[in-house]
Every structure is written in structure tokens, then in C-alpha cells.
C-alpha atoms as a PDB file:
ATOM      1  CA  MET A   1       7.107 -61.937 -89.978  1.00  0.00           C
ATOM      2  CA  ALA A   2       9.979 -59.873 -89.285  1.00  0.00           C
ATOM      3  CA  THR A   3       8.335 -57.105 -91.369  1.00  0.00           C
ATOM      4  CA  GLU A   4       5.158 -57.535 -89.395  1.00  0.00           C
ATOM      5  CA  ALA A   5       7.027 -57.514 -86.114  1.00  0.00           C
ATOM      6  CA  GLY A   6       8.907 -54.364 -87.243  1.00  0.00           C
ATOM      7  CA  GLY A   7       5.797 -52.564 -88.471  1.00  0.00           C
ATOM      8  CA  ALA A   8       4.021 -53.503 -85.048  1.00  0.00           C
ATOM      9  CA  ALA A   9       7.095 -52.381 -83.270  1.00  0.00           C
ATOM     10  CA  GLN A  10       6.809 -49.069 -85.148  1.00  0.00           C
ATOM     11  CA  SER A  11       3.061 -48.696 -84.583  1.00  0.00           C
ATOM     12  CA  VAL A  12       3.411 -49.488 -80.880  1.00  0.00           C
ATOM     13  CA  GLY A  13       4.624 -46.581 -79.098  1.00  0.00           C
ATOM     14  CA  MET A  14       3.341 -43.799 -76.956  1.00  0.00           C
ATOM     15  CA  PRO A  15      -0.124 -42.923 -78.011  1.00  0.00           C
ATOM     16  CA  GLN A  16       0.350 -39.266 -76.983  1.00  0.00           C
ATOM     17  CA  LEU A  17       2.886 -38.904 -79.623  1.00  0.00           C
ATOM     18  CA  ASP A  18       0.693 -40.522 -82.359  1.00  0.00           C
ATOM     19  CA  PHE A  19      -0.426 -37.663 -84.621  1.00  0.00           C
ATOM     20  CA  THR A  20      -3.360 -39.571 -85.725  1.00  0.00           C
ATOM     21  CA  THR A  21      -4.963 -39.510 -82.326  1.00  0.00           C
ATOM     22  CA  TYR A  22      -4.438 -35.755 -81.595  1.00  0.00           C
ATOM     23  CA  GLY A  23      -8.041 -34.886 -82.282  1.00  0.00           C
ATOM     24  CA  ASN A  24      -9.370 -37.415 -80.153  1.00  0.00           C
ATOM     25  CA  GLN A  25      -6.796 -36.418 -77.411  1.00  0.00           C
ATOM     26  CA  ILE A  26      -7.695 -32.802 -77.667  1.00  0.00           C
ATOM     27  CA  PHE A  27     -11.369 -33.517 -77.399  1.00  0.00           C
ATOM     28  CA  TRP A  28     -10.927 -35.710 -74.327  1.00  0.00           C
ATOM     29  CA  LEU A  29      -8.575 -33.108 -72.776  1.00  0.00           C
ATOM     30  CA  VAL A  30     -11.230 -30.380 -73.476  1.00  0.00           C
ATOM     31  CA  VAL A  31     -13.960 -32.528 -71.827  1.00  0.00           C
ATOM     32  CA  ALA A  32     -11.827 -33.373 -68.869  1.00  0.00           C
ATOM     33  CA  LEU A  33     -10.887 -29.626 -68.282  1.00  0.00           C
ATOM     34  CA  VAL A  34     -14.483 -28.682 -68.611  1.00  0.00           C
ATOM     35  CA  ALA A  35     -15.456 -31.411 -66.212  1.00  0.00           C
ATOM     36  CA  ILE A  36     -12.818 -30.440 -63.638  1.00  0.00           C
ATOM     37  CA  TYR A  37     -13.787 -26.848 -64.122  1.00  0.00           C
ATOM     38  CA  LEU A  38     -17.447 -27.565 -63.402  1.00  0.00           C
ATOM     39  CA  LEU A  39     -16.661 -29.805 -60.444  1.00  0.00           C
ATOM     40  CA  LEU A  40     -14.367 -27.170 -58.897  1.00  0.00           C
ATOM     41  CA  THR A  41     -16.754 -24.215 -59.603  1.00  0.00           C
ATOM     42  CA  ARG A  42     -20.028 -25.923 -58.739  1.00  0.00           C
ATOM     43  CA  ILE A  43     -18.871 -28.235 -55.864  1.00  0.00           C
ATOM     44  CA  ALA A  44     -15.359 -27.812 -54.461  1.00  0.00           C
ATOM     45  CA  LEU A  45     -14.758 -23.947 -54.621  1.00  0.00           C
ATOM     46  CA  PRO A  46     -18.228 -23.116 -53.050  1.00  0.00           C
ATOM     47  CA  ARG A  47     -17.604 -25.514 -50.270  1.00  0.00           C
ATOM     48  CA  ILE A  48     -13.982 -24.098 -50.001  1.00  0.00           C
ATOM     49  CA  GLY A  49     -15.369 -20.527 -49.937  1.00  0.00           C
ATOM     50  CA  ALA A  50     -17.998 -21.415 -47.221  1.00  0.00           C
ATOM     51  CA  VAL A  51     -15.358 -22.865 -44.980  1.00  0.00           C
ATOM     52  CA  LEU A  52     -13.124 -19.776 -45.634  1.00  0.00           C
ATOM     53  CA  ALA A  53     -16.167 -17.420 -45.028  1.00  0.00           C
ATOM     54  CA  GLU A  54     -17.001 -19.472 -41.835  1.00  0.00           C
ATOM     55  CA  ARG A  55     -13.371 -19.267 -40.522  1.00  0.00           C
ATOM     56  CA  LYS A  56     -13.250 -15.483 -41.479  1.00  0.00           C
ATOM     57  CA  GLY A  57     -16.493 -14.968 -39.490  1.00  0.00           C
ATOM     58  CA  THR A  58     -15.182 -16.998 -36.678  1.00  0.00           C
ATOM     59  CA  VAL A  59     -11.902 -15.051 -36.698  1.00  0.00           C
ATOM     60  CA  ALA A  60     -13.749 -11.790 -36.779  1.00  0.00           C
ATOM     61  CA  ASN A  61     -16.035 -12.867 -33.958  1.00  0.00           C
ATOM     62  CA  ASP A  62     -13.056 -14.117 -31.944  1.00  0.00           C
ATOM     63  CA  LEU A  63     -11.376 -10.859 -32.484  1.00  0.00           C
ATOM     64  CA  ALA A  64     -14.466  -8.830 -31.484  1.00  0.00           C
ATOM     65  CA  ALA A  65     -14.798 -10.981 -28.448  1.00  0.00           C
ATOM     66  CA  ALA A  66     -11.068 -10.607 -27.545  1.00  0.00           C
ATOM     67  CA  GLU A  67     -11.393  -6.815 -28.020  1.00  0.00           C
ATOM     68  CA  ASP A  68     -14.528  -6.851 -25.799  1.00  0.00           C
ATOM     69  CA  LEU A  69     -12.781  -8.863 -23.230  1.00  0.00           C
ATOM     70  CA  LYS A  70      -9.661  -6.586 -23.555  1.00  0.00           C
ATOM     71  CA  GLU A  71     -11.876  -3.551 -22.821  1.00  0.00           C
ATOM     72  CA  ARG A  72     -13.563  -5.282 -19.794  1.00  0.00           C
ATOM     73  CA  ALA A  73     -10.164  -6.292 -18.435  1.00  0.00           C
ATOM     74  CA  SER A  74      -8.964  -2.669 -18.891  1.00  0.00           C
ATOM     75  CA  ALA A  75     -12.187  -1.388 -17.051  1.00  0.00           C
ATOM     76  CA  ALA A  76     -11.719  -4.192 -14.346  1.00  0.00           C
ATOM     77  CA  GLU A  77      -7.987  -3.006 -13.934  1.00  0.00           C
ATOM     78  CA  ALA A  78      -9.038   0.638 -13.790  1.00  0.00           C
ATOM     79  CA  ALA A  79     -11.704  -0.224 -11.237  1.00  0.00           C
ATOM     80  CA  TYR A  80      -9.061  -2.261  -9.186  1.00  0.00           C
ATOM     81  CA  GLN A  81      -6.475   0.553  -9.522  1.00  0.00           C
ATOM     82  CA  LYS A  82      -9.244   2.960  -8.184  1.00  0.00           C
ATOM     83  CA  ALA A  83     -10.248   0.748  -5.376  1.00  0.00           C
ATOM     84  CA  LEU A  84      -6.692   0.365  -4.483  1.00  0.00           C
ATOM     85  CA  ALA A  85      -6.249   4.087  -4.523  1.00  0.00           C
ATOM     86  CA  ASP A  86      -9.300   4.652  -2.570  1.00  0.00           C
ATOM     87  CA  ALA A  87      -8.187   1.856   0.000  1.00  0.00           C
ATOM     88  CA  ARG A  88      -4.727   3.539   0.387  1.00  0.00           C
ATOM     89  CA  ALA A  89      -6.443   6.865   0.979  1.00  0.00           C
ATOM     90  CA  GLU A  90      -8.785   5.449   3.400  1.00  0.00           C
ATOM     91  CA  ALA A  91      -5.774   3.763   5.217  1.00  0.00           C
ATOM     92  CA  ALA A  92      -3.975   7.184   5.143  1.00  0.00           C
ATOM     93  CA  ARG A  93      -7.133   8.861   6.631  1.00  0.00           C
ATOM     94  CA  ILE A  94      -7.490   6.220   9.434  1.00  0.00           C
ATOM     95  CA  ILE A  95      -3.728   6.532  10.216  1.00  0.00           C
ATOM     96  CA  ALA A  96      -4.092  10.319  10.356  1.00  0.00           C
ATOM     97  CA  GLU A  97      -7.149   9.980  12.582  1.00  0.00           C
ATOM     98  CA  ALA A  98      -5.452   7.514  14.853  1.00  0.00           C
ATOM     99  CA  LYS A  99      -2.366   9.677  15.110  1.00  0.00           C
ATOM    100  CA  ALA A 100      -4.472  12.694  16.039  1.00  0.00           C
ATOM    101  CA  GLU A 101      -6.460  10.665  18.557  1.00  0.00           C
ATOM    102  CA  ILE A 102      -3.120   9.471  20.105  1.00  0.00           C
ATOM    103  CA  GLN A 103      -1.720  12.973  20.042  1.00  0.00           C
ATOM    104  CA  ALA A 104      -4.821  14.285  21.733  1.00  0.00           C
ATOM    105  CA  ASP A 105      -4.816  11.504  24.314  1.00  0.00           C
ATOM    106  CA  LEU A 106      -0.991  12.096  24.795  1.00  0.00           C
ATOM    107  CA  ALA A 107      -1.614  15.951  25.219  1.00  0.00           C
ATOM    108  CA  ARG A 108      -4.538  15.242  27.667  1.00  0.00           C
ATOM    109  CA  ALA A 109      -2.332  12.760  29.754  1.00  0.00           C
ATOM    110  CA  LEU A 110       0.591  15.283  29.718  1.00  0.00           C
ATOM    111  CA  ALA A 111      -1.715  17.981  30.843  1.00  0.00           C
ATOM    112  CA  GLU A 112      -3.002  15.838  33.643  1.00  0.00           C
ATOM    113  CA  ALA A 113       0.508  14.831  34.606  1.00  0.00           C
ATOM    114  CA  ASP A 114       1.590  18.358  34.582  1.00  0.00           C
ATOM    115  CA  ALA A 115      -1.343  19.408  36.645  1.00  0.00           C
ATOM    116  CA  ASP A 116      -0.702  16.409  39.137  1.00  0.00           C
ATOM    117  CA  ILE A 117       3.070  17.322  39.324  1.00  0.00           C
ATOM    118  CA  SER A 118       2.199  21.121  39.878  1.00  0.00           C
ATOM    119  CA  ALA A 119      -0.289  20.082  42.642  1.00  0.00           C
ATOM    120  CA  ARG A 120       2.233  17.655  44.226  1.00  0.00           C
ATOM    121  CA  ALA A 121       4.935  20.423  43.875  1.00  0.00           C
ATOM    122  CA  ALA A 122       2.597  22.960  45.547  1.00  0.00           C
ATOM    123  CA  GLU A 123       1.979  20.546  48.289  1.00  0.00           C
ATOM    124  CA  SER A 124       5.599  19.758  48.631  1.00  0.00           C
ATOM    125  CA  GLU A 125       6.426  23.503  48.811  1.00  0.00           C
ATOM    126  CA  ARG A 126       3.656  24.124  51.462  1.00  0.00           C
ATOM    127  CA  ARG A 127       4.924  21.235  53.541  1.00  0.00           C
ATOM    128  CA  ILE A 128       8.585  22.508  53.264  1.00  0.00           C
ATOM    129  CA  ALA A 129       7.497  26.057  54.167  1.00  0.00           C
ATOM    130  CA  GLU A 130       5.668  24.626  57.148  1.00  0.00           C
ATOM    131  CA  ILE A 131       8.745  22.467  58.093  1.00  0.00           C
ATOM    132  CA  ARG A 132      10.958  25.462  57.647  1.00  0.00           C
ATOM    133  CA  ALA A 133       8.657  27.657  59.689  1.00  0.00           C
ATOM    134  CA  SER A 134       8.527  24.861  62.289  1.00  0.00           C
ATOM    135  CA  ALA A 135      12.272  24.366  62.290  1.00  0.00           C
ATOM    136  CA  MET A 136      12.819  28.086  62.659  1.00  0.00           C
ATOM    137  CA  GLN A 137      10.455  28.282  65.531  1.00  0.00           C
ATOM    138  CA  SER A 138      12.132  25.257  67.085  1.00  0.00           C
ATOM    139  CA  VAL A 139      15.536  26.788  66.488  1.00  0.00           C
ATOM    140  CA  ALA A 140      14.233  29.975  68.036  1.00  0.00           C
ATOM    141  CA  GLU A 141      12.962  28.193  71.144  1.00  0.00           C
ATOM    142  CA  VAL A 142      16.261  26.113  71.419  1.00  0.00           C
ATOM    143  CA  ALA A 143      18.141  29.480  71.016  1.00  0.00           C
ATOM    144  CA  ARG A 144      16.020  31.156  73.763  1.00  0.00           C
ATOM    145  CA  ASP A 145      16.422  28.088  76.133  1.00  0.00           C
ATOM    146  CA  THR A 146      20.040  27.870  75.333  1.00  0.00           C
ATOM    147  CA  ALA A 147      20.767  31.667  75.782  1.00  0.00           C
ATOM    148  CA  ALA A 148      18.668  31.662  79.180  1.00  0.00           C
ATOM    149  CA  GLU A 149      20.530  28.613  80.416  1.00  0.00           C
ATOM    150  CA  LEU A 150      23.835  30.224  79.320  1.00  0.00           C
ATOM    151  CA  VAL A 151      22.897  33.546  81.218  1.00  0.00           C
ATOM    152  CA  ALA A 152      21.953  31.568  84.166  1.00  0.00           C
ATOM    153  CA  VAL A 153      25.010  29.422  84.206  1.00  0.00           C
ATOM    154  CA  LEU A 154      27.144  32.581  83.753  1.00  0.00           C
ATOM    155  CA  GLY A 155      25.410  33.849  86.829  1.00  0.00           C
ATOM    156  CA  GLY A 156      23.169  36.560  85.403  1.00  0.00           C
ATOM    157  CA  SER A 157      19.524  36.880  84.938  1.00  0.00           C
ATOM    158  CA  ALA A 158      17.953  37.842  81.743  1.00  0.00           C
ATOM    159  CA  ASP A 159      14.446  38.761  81.218  1.00  0.00           C
ATOM    160  CA  ALA A 160      12.353  37.016  78.690  1.00  0.00           C
ATOM    161  CA  ALA A 161      11.930  40.198  76.539  1.00  0.00           C
ATOM    162  CA  ALA A 162      15.489  40.854  76.212  1.00  0.00           C
ATOM    163  CA  LEU A 163      16.363  37.314  75.444  1.00  0.00           C
ATOM    164  CA  GLU A 164      13.543  37.253  72.709  1.00  0.00           C
ATOM    165  CA  ALA A 165      14.958  40.517  71.128  1.00  0.00           C
ATOM    166  CA  ALA A 166      18.457  39.047  71.021  1.00  0.00           C
ATOM    167  CA  VAL A 167      17.416  35.755  69.612  1.00  0.00           C
ATOM    168  CA  GLY A 168      15.014  37.442  67.077  1.00  0.00           C
ATOM    169  CA  ALA A 169      17.817  39.856  65.985  1.00  0.00           C
ATOM    170  CA  ARG A 170      20.275  36.813  65.540  1.00  0.00           C
ATOM    171  CA  MET A 171      17.833  34.889  63.505  1.00  0.00           C
ATOM    172  CA  LYS A 172      17.281  37.804  61.105  1.00  0.00           C
ATOM    173  CA  GLY A 173      21.043  38.051  60.768  1.00  0.00           C
ATOM    174  CA  GLN A 174      21.486  41.185  62.555  1.00  0.00           C
ATOM    175  CA  PRO A 175      24.173  41.554  65.394  1.00  0.00           C
ATOM    176  CA  SER A 176      22.850  42.084  68.795  1.00  0.00           C
END
């Protein structure tokens, strides 16, 4: 029994290392590789290829859409910048018009004020001239009356023509 157990022990081992089964192992290896090859080429790889193609198409579509959106965004930004520049130009134009209008109103108001001041100054000068003439006339009358009274107090008599000539000469700054 010991020999039987020893022989069994020798025959039991890893079947991969048993040279008598190499032909059978190679056959099943080739069958398994062909089966795996057929499964991969007929079923798995076409599905994987389809998924990759779909992903590639999706990525390409997304990139195209992103490029389109980028172009739209650039166009929108350009339109915004143009609108902003137009608005600034319009604001500058409105400011310039308002300044010109204010300047015209100011010039008109200054002209009216100058005209009013000139009219008042002319009126004041006319009144001053009237007052001066009236004052000179009053001074001349007072001078004539005073001279007549002085001549009368001093005991003389003066005729009106002589008094008028003497007062007129003194008023003009001439000695009498």
C-alpha cells in the first residue's frame, strides 16, 4: 500500500505540469482564446467602439456648441461695448448741448443785466446832472440873495444885472 500511496502521490500533482495532458491543454487554450477573441471582436469591442464614437461625437458637438456660444458671447460683448461707447458719446453730446445752452442763457442774462445796468447808470447820471444843475442854480440864487443882502447891509445898492454878472463870474471860477 505504501507503494500505491507513493505512486498516487507521484501522479497527483499539478495537472499543468503533467506532460501527458499538454495536447489537451493546448487545444482548450486555443478554443478559449478563439472564444474570447470572437466575444471581444463581435460583441464587446463594437459596443465599446460605439460608446467611444458616441462620446467623440458628443464631445465634438459640445466643442462646436461651445465655440458657437463663444462667438455669440464675443458678438454680444462687442455689441455691448459699442452700445456703451454710443451711450458715452450721446452723454457727451447731451452734456455739450447743455453746456452750450447754459452758456447762451448766461450770455443772454449777462447782456440783459449789462443793458439794465447801463440804463440805470444813464438814468442815475441824468438825475445827478439834474441835481447838479438844480444845486448850481440854487447856489447861484443863494449867492445872489446873499450878495444883495450883504450890499444892502453894507449900505450900498446894487443893481440886479451887476449882482448877476458878479455871481456868474465867481461860479465860473473867474475873479470879479
